[in-house]
Amino acid sequence: MPSEQLTDLWEIRACFQNNFRRSPCFIVSEHGDEIVGLLPLSRIEEDASYAFFPGETWNGHTWLEQNRIISASNQVLQDMLDAIPGQYHLRYLLPTNSGGQGAKIIDEVGYLFCPGQYDYDMEKYFGVFSHKSAKRIRRDIASLAEKQLQFRYDDLNDFDEMVRLNIERFGENSYYFDPRFQRSFRDLMHYLDKTGRLRMTGVVIAGKTAAVDMGAIYNGTYTLLAGGTNAAFPGVAKLINTHHMQRACIERIEAVDFLCGNFSWKTMFHLSPRPLYMFTNIPQAVTVPADTVMPLMEKSRMRRSAYAG
């Protein structure tokens, strides 16, 4: 696999495979002695279907984004899809895999902050907001900053705080409610820490943990992977997300990836939408054409519960 995105790394996927233990089904296309296609799948026993490896399901859907299929042509891609031995639902595919059958099916929309668009200057970034919106956001952040605000970095003990906050807020709808996910994320944290890619950010207000986010730096992109917020501190999600953006500007990071799932703050914060695609032979209730990205951005299904609030 090209190692361009964080989730291209097999070590990342192994953190989930080691806990979900799905049966792998890798489809390889060869032309002579040359490999011209690779489609890594896992069998999801619960519904007798195939998903992108490692098949780490949460509420019936896989979680890892920016999935990639290697294919020399659209025909190779289609041949591999035809070779899948049953139903399949392949989600969060990068736009480079959007050719062929299913090219017009958008799965979800991811959201990016690209500091270079604003010359790595937060004042220029806030210049795209209406005066009223910018004033409200600054006021909400300032009100929290007055309450003995501290930031805590790369403290591995914050992992347990993050899990606790997320489950307290979302209960069974938290992906940490599944012990397999909890173990997978803990393994992921240790892998990222060992390789120097971990970004664990804690917000402490008046001596209490108000928010924790877990992210990773890889190949010029800062990806926010998971998090939790304390409902006792309204607006803390705005504060911590703005803090990530500020750090990205200071460190001249190419992009901050806030992943899929639209909580109103993502559009309010003028993040750049990036559609991800799907291939499926399972009938869907709604087939979304590629030219309806903006309406799709209004989806309200809770996926990235770390950033609600």
Protein backbone atom coordinates (compact mmCIF):
# COMPACT_ATOMS: atom_id res chain seq x y z
CA MET A 1 0.00 0.00 0.00
CA PRO A 2 1.19 3.55 -0.59
CA SER A 3 1.85 5.10 2.83
CA GLU A 4 0.22 8.46 2.22
CA GLN A 5 -2.60 8.48 4.79
CA LEU A 6 -2.43 7.42 8.41
CA THR A 7 -4.79 4.52 7.75
CA ASP A 8 -2.58 3.24 4.92
CA LEU A 9 -0.31 1.85 7.64
CA TRP A 10 -0.94 -1.83 8.30
CA GLU A 11 0.20 -1.31 11.90
CA ILE A 12 -2.80 1.00 12.43
CA ARG A 13 -5.19 -1.60 11.06
CA ALA A 14 -3.52 -4.33 13.10
CA CYS A 15 -4.55 -2.52 16.31
CA PHE A 16 -8.16 -3.26 15.36
CA GLN A 17 -7.61 -6.68 13.77
CA ASN A 18 -5.94 -7.94 16.93
CA ASN A 19 -9.12 -7.20 18.89
CA PHE A 20 -11.94 -7.82 16.41
CA ARG A 21 -10.37 -11.01 14.98
CA ARG A 22 -12.29 -10.95 11.71
CA SER A 23 -11.47 -13.55 9.05
CA PRO A 24 -9.46 -11.80 6.34
CA CYS A 25 -10.33 -12.18 2.65
CA PHE A 26 -7.69 -10.46 0.50
CA ILE A 27 -8.43 -10.42 -3.23
CA VAL A 28 -5.39 -10.01 -5.47
CA SER A 29 -5.41 -9.37 -9.23
CA GLU A 30 -2.41 -10.51 -11.24
CA HIS A 31 -1.33 -9.94 -14.82
CA GLY A 32 1.47 -12.34 -15.67
CA ASP A 33 3.93 -12.13 -12.81
CA GLU A 34 2.78 -8.65 -11.80
CA ILE A 35 0.28 -7.77 -9.09
CA VAL A 36 -2.10 -5.16 -10.55
CA GLY A 37 -4.76 -5.03 -7.84
CA LEU A 38 -5.31 -5.54 -4.12
CA LEU A 39 -8.64 -5.47 -2.29
CA PRO A 40 -8.17 -6.25 1.44
CA LEU A 41 -11.41 -7.39 3.05
CA SER A 42 -12.73 -8.92 6.25
CA ARG A 43 -15.80 -11.09 6.68
CA ILE A 44 -18.43 -9.63 8.99
CA GLU A 45 -20.08 -12.71 10.44
CA GLU A 46 -23.03 -10.86 12.01
CA ASP A 47 -24.58 -10.06 8.64
CA ALA A 48 -22.64 -12.45 6.39
CA SER A 49 -21.03 -9.66 4.39
CA TYR A 50 -17.58 -8.32 3.56
CA ALA A 51 -16.11 -4.97 4.59
CA PHE A 52 -12.78 -3.26 4.23
CA PHE A 53 -10.07 -4.84 6.39
CA PRO A 54 -10.02 -5.16 9.38
CA GLY A 55 -13.82 -4.96 9.66
CA GLU A 56 -13.92 -2.93 12.88
CA THR A 57 -17.67 -2.35 13.13
CA TRP A 58 -19.39 0.16 15.39
CA ASN A 59 -23.22 0.24 15.34
CA GLY A 60 -23.07 -2.01 12.30
CA HIS A 61 -20.68 0.18 10.29
CA THR A 62 -16.92 0.13 9.85
CA TRP A 63 -15.04 3.06 11.37
CA LEU A 64 -11.63 3.59 9.75
CA GLU A 65 -11.60 6.19 6.99
CA GLN A 66 -9.56 6.96 3.85
CA ASN A 67 -9.66 3.36 2.72
CA ARG A 68 -7.81 2.50 -0.45
CA ILE A 69 -8.17 -0.13 -3.16
CA ILE A 70 -5.14 -0.72 -5.37
CA SER A 71 -6.09 -1.26 -9.00
CA ALA A 72 -4.29 -0.65 -12.28
CA SER A 73 -7.56 0.25 -14.04
CA ASN A 74 -11.30 0.48 -13.56
CA GLN A 75 -11.63 -2.94 -15.18
CA VAL A 76 -9.25 -4.48 -12.63
CA LEU A 77 -11.25 -2.79 -9.88
CA GLN A 78 -14.53 -4.14 -11.23
CA ASP A 79 -13.08 -7.63 -11.65
CA MET A 80 -12.02 -7.67 -8.00
CA LEU A 81 -15.42 -6.44 -6.85
CA ASP A 82 -17.04 -9.20 -8.91
CA ALA A 83 -14.75 -11.74 -7.22
CA ILE A 84 -15.99 -10.92 -3.71
CA PRO A 85 -17.70 -14.12 -2.52
CA GLY A 86 -20.92 -12.57 -1.23
CA GLN A 87 -22.46 -9.29 -0.17
CA TYR A 88 -20.11 -6.37 0.43
CA HIS A 89 -20.24 -2.83 1.75
CA LEU A 90 -16.94 -0.96 1.36
CA ARG A 91 -16.97 2.44 3.00
CA TYR A 92 -14.94 5.67 3.30
CA LEU A 93 -12.98 5.18 0.08
CA LEU A 94 -10.63 7.91 -1.06
CA PRO A 95 -11.68 9.78 -4.23
CA THR A 96 -8.94 7.98 -6.16
CA ASN A 97 -11.09 4.84 -5.88
CA SER A 98 -14.27 6.47 -7.14
CA GLY A 99 -14.11 5.28 -10.75
CA GLY A 100 -16.13 2.46 -12.25
CA GLN A 101 -19.41 1.15 -10.86
CA GLY A 102 -20.47 3.17 -7.83
CA ALA A 103 -18.58 6.31 -8.86
CA LYS A 104 -21.61 8.43 -8.00
CA ILE A 105 -22.25 6.98 -4.52
CA ILE A 106 -20.97 9.21 -1.75
CA ASP A 107 -20.68 7.51 1.61
CA GLU A 108 -19.99 10.45 3.90
CA VAL A 109 -18.19 13.76 3.87
CA GLY A 110 -14.96 14.38 5.77
CA TYR A 111 -13.91 17.82 6.98
CA LEU A 112 -10.46 19.42 6.77
CA PHE A 113 -8.87 22.59 8.07
CA CYS A 114 -6.05 23.69 5.76
CA PRO A 115 -3.98 26.40 7.49
CA GLY A 116 -2.11 27.34 4.31
CA GLN A 117 -5.35 28.73 2.87
CA TYR A 118 -5.14 31.42 5.55
CA ASP A 119 -1.34 31.93 5.47
CA TYR A 120 -1.15 30.03 8.79
CA ASP A 121 -2.83 33.02 10.44
CA MET A 122 -5.84 32.46 12.70
CA GLU A 123 -6.87 36.11 12.36
CA LYS A 124 -7.16 35.67 8.59
CA TYR A 125 -9.09 32.46 9.17
CA PHE A 126 -11.61 34.19 11.44
CA GLY A 127 -11.89 36.85 8.75
CA VAL A 128 -14.06 34.47 6.69
CA PHE A 129 -16.66 34.36 9.46
CA SER A 130 -19.47 36.82 9.80
CA HIS A 131 -18.72 39.39 12.49
CA LYS A 132 -21.52 37.99 14.64
CA SER A 133 -20.31 34.37 14.40
CA ALA A 134 -16.67 35.24 15.09
CA LYS A 135 -17.67 37.35 18.08
CA ARG A 136 -19.83 34.55 19.52
CA ILE A 137 -17.10 31.91 19.14
CA ARG A 138 -14.44 34.14 20.67
CA ARG A 139 -16.79 35.00 23.54
CA ASP A 140 -17.54 31.33 24.29
CA ILE A 141 -13.84 30.46 24.28
CA ALA A 142 -12.89 33.48 26.38
CA SER A 143 -15.50 32.60 29.03
CA LEU A 144 -13.85 29.19 29.50
CA ALA A 145 -10.33 30.66 29.42
CA GLU A 146 -11.21 32.77 32.46
CA LYS A 147 -11.82 29.64 34.56
CA GLN A 148 -8.26 28.51 35.35
CA LEU A 149 -7.79 26.97 31.90
CA GLN A 150 -4.86 24.62 31.32
CA PHE A 151 -3.82 22.37 28.44
CA ARG A 152 -2.17 19.01 29.09
CA TYR A 153 -0.18 17.25 26.38
CA ASP A 154 0.67 13.60 25.68
CA ASP A 155 -0.31 12.25 29.07
CA LEU A 156 -1.22 8.60 28.44
CA ASN A 157 -3.36 8.62 31.57
CA ASP A 158 -5.75 10.88 29.69
CA PHE A 159 -6.88 7.91 27.64
CA ASP A 160 -9.00 6.63 30.53
CA GLU A 161 -10.38 10.14 31.06
CA MET A 162 -11.33 10.33 27.38
CA VAL A 163 -13.16 7.00 27.51
CA ARG A 164 -14.95 7.95 30.72
CA LEU A 165 -16.13 11.31 29.35
CA ASN A 166 -17.32 9.81 26.10
CA ILE A 167 -19.29 6.99 27.72
CA GLU A 168 -20.76 9.35 30.35
CA ARG A 169 -22.03 11.60 27.60
CA PHE A 170 -23.20 9.10 25.00
CA GLY A 171 -23.75 5.83 26.87
CA GLU A 172 -24.37 2.90 24.54
CA ASN A 173 -23.97 5.20 21.53
CA SER A 174 -20.31 5.70 22.39
CA TYR A 175 -17.98 3.54 20.35
CA TYR A 176 -16.02 3.00 23.56
CA PHE A 177 -19.03 1.12 24.91
CA ASP A 178 -17.74 -1.79 22.80
CA PRO A 179 -14.76 -3.28 24.71
CA ARG A 180 -13.15 -4.28 21.39
CA PHE A 181 -13.03 -0.65 20.33
CA GLN A 182 -11.71 0.43 23.67
CA ARG A 183 -8.87 -2.09 23.50
CA SER A 184 -8.18 -1.21 19.86
CA PHE A 185 -7.87 2.50 20.61
CA ARG A 186 -5.63 1.81 23.57
CA ASP A 187 -3.36 -0.31 21.35
CA LEU A 188 -3.45 2.46 18.76
CA MET A 189 -2.44 5.03 21.37
CA HIS A 190 0.57 2.95 22.40
CA TYR A 191 1.62 2.40 18.78
CA LEU A 192 1.37 6.13 18.01
CA ASP A 193 3.27 6.99 21.17
CA LYS A 194 6.03 4.49 20.36
CA THR A 195 6.44 5.91 16.84
CA GLY A 196 6.38 9.56 17.96
CA ARG A 197 3.10 10.36 16.18
CA LEU A 198 0.72 10.66 19.14
CA ARG A 199 -1.07 13.91 19.97
CA MET A 200 -3.03 13.57 23.20
CA THR A 201 -4.57 16.89 24.25
CA GLY A 202 -6.35 17.43 27.54
CA VAL A 203 -8.26 20.52 28.65
CA VAL A 204 -8.39 21.18 32.39
CA ILE A 205 -10.75 23.86 33.71
CA ALA A 206 -10.87 24.74 37.40
CA GLY A 207 -9.01 21.53 38.17
CA LYS A 208 -11.45 19.27 36.29
CA THR A 209 -10.89 17.44 33.00
CA ALA A 210 -13.17 19.22 30.53
CA ALA A 211 -12.10 17.52 27.30
CA VAL A 212 -9.57 15.07 25.88
CA ASP A 213 -8.74 14.48 22.21
CA MET A 214 -6.49 11.80 20.77
CA GLY A 215 -4.87 12.47 17.42
CA ALA A 216 -1.88 11.63 15.27
CA ILE A 217 0.59 13.47 13.05
CA TYR A 218 1.48 11.68 9.83
CA ASN A 219 2.78 12.89 6.49
CA GLY A 220 1.84 16.52 7.08
CA THR A 221 -1.68 15.82 8.35
CA TYR A 222 -2.94 16.07 11.91
CA THR A 223 -5.82 13.59 12.25
CA LEU A 224 -8.22 13.83 15.19
CA LEU A 225 -9.14 10.23 15.93
CA ALA A 226 -11.18 10.20 19.10
CA GLY A 227 -12.19 12.28 22.06
CA GLY A 228 -14.52 13.06 24.91
CA THR A 229 -16.01 16.22 26.40
CA ASN A 230 -17.47 17.06 29.78
CA ALA A 231 -21.09 18.23 29.50
CA ALA A 232 -20.52 20.47 32.53
CA PHE A 233 -18.47 22.80 30.31
CA PRO A 234 -20.62 23.95 27.36
CA GLY A 235 -18.53 25.20 24.48
CA VAL A 236 -15.42 23.22 25.40
CA ALA A 237 -15.54 21.39 22.04
CA LYS A 238 -15.19 24.75 20.27
CA LEU A 239 -12.26 25.60 22.51
CA ILE A 240 -10.31 22.39 21.95
CA ASN A 241 -10.98 22.31 18.20
CA THR A 242 -9.83 25.91 17.83
CA HIS A 243 -6.75 24.98 19.85
CA HIS A 244 -5.93 22.21 17.36
CA MET A 245 -6.21 24.73 14.53
CA GLN A 246 -3.97 27.22 16.33
CA ARG A 247 -1.30 24.57 16.86
CA ALA A 248 -1.52 23.60 13.20
CA CYS A 249 -0.92 27.22 12.18
CA ILE A 250 2.02 27.63 14.54
CA GLU A 251 3.60 24.35 13.41
CA ARG A 252 2.68 24.98 9.73
CA ILE A 253 0.91 21.64 9.40
CA GLU A 254 -0.62 21.03 5.97
CA ALA A 255 -4.05 19.87 7.12
CA VAL A 256 -6.11 19.01 10.19
CA ASP A 257 -8.51 16.15 9.46
CA PHE A 258 -11.63 16.20 11.64
CA LEU A 259 -13.00 13.11 9.87
CA CYS A 260 -16.58 12.41 8.86
CA GLY A 261 -19.80 13.23 10.62
CA ASN A 262 -21.33 16.67 10.50
CA PHE A 263 -21.99 18.31 13.81
CA SER A 264 -23.08 21.83 13.02
CA TRP A 265 -19.79 23.28 14.22
CA LYS A 266 -17.92 21.84 11.23
CA THR A 267 -19.86 23.87 8.69
CA MET A 268 -20.04 26.82 11.05
CA PHE A 269 -16.22 26.71 11.26
CA HIS A 270 -15.92 26.77 7.44
CA LEU A 271 -14.04 23.50 7.22
CA SER A 272 -13.34 22.15 3.73
CA PRO A 273 -15.58 19.18 2.80
CA ARG A 274 -14.03 16.09 1.20
CA PRO A 275 -16.42 13.34 0.09
CA LEU A 276 -15.54 9.71 0.65
CA TYR A 277 -17.14 7.02 -1.49
CA MET A 278 -18.54 3.52 -1.21
CA PHE A 279 -18.91 0.35 -3.21
CA THR A 280 -21.75 -1.94 -2.23
CA ASN A 281 -23.97 -4.61 -3.69
CA ILE A 282 -26.35 -4.37 -0.75
CA PRO A 283 -29.48 -2.33 -1.55
CA GLN A 284 -29.31 1.08 0.12
CA ALA A 285 -32.21 3.20 1.27
CA VAL A 286 -30.62 6.27 -0.36
CA THR A 287 -28.13 6.46 -3.22
CA VAL A 288 -26.42 9.82 -3.14
CA PRO A 289 -25.07 11.25 -6.39
CA ALA A 290 -21.70 12.98 -6.29
CA ASP A 291 -23.19 16.37 -7.17
CA THR A 292 -25.14 16.52 -3.89
CA VAL A 293 -22.21 16.93 -1.51
CA MET A 294 -23.62 20.04 0.17
CA PRO A 295 -26.99 18.51 1.12
CA LEU A 296 -25.13 15.45 2.36
CA MET A 297 -23.12 17.66 4.68
CA GLU A 298 -26.30 18.21 6.68
CA LYS A 299 -26.44 14.56 7.76
CA SER A 300 -27.03 14.30 11.48
CA ARG A 301 -26.19 10.67 12.19
CA MET A 302 -23.90 10.55 15.20
CA ARG A 303 -20.59 9.04 14.14
CA ARG A 304 -17.74 11.04 15.58
CA SER A 305 -19.23 11.53 19.03
CA ALA A 306 -15.96 13.05 20.24
CA TYR A 307 -16.78 16.40 18.71
CA ALA A 308 -20.43 16.96 19.57
CA GLY A 309 -21.34 19.74 21.92
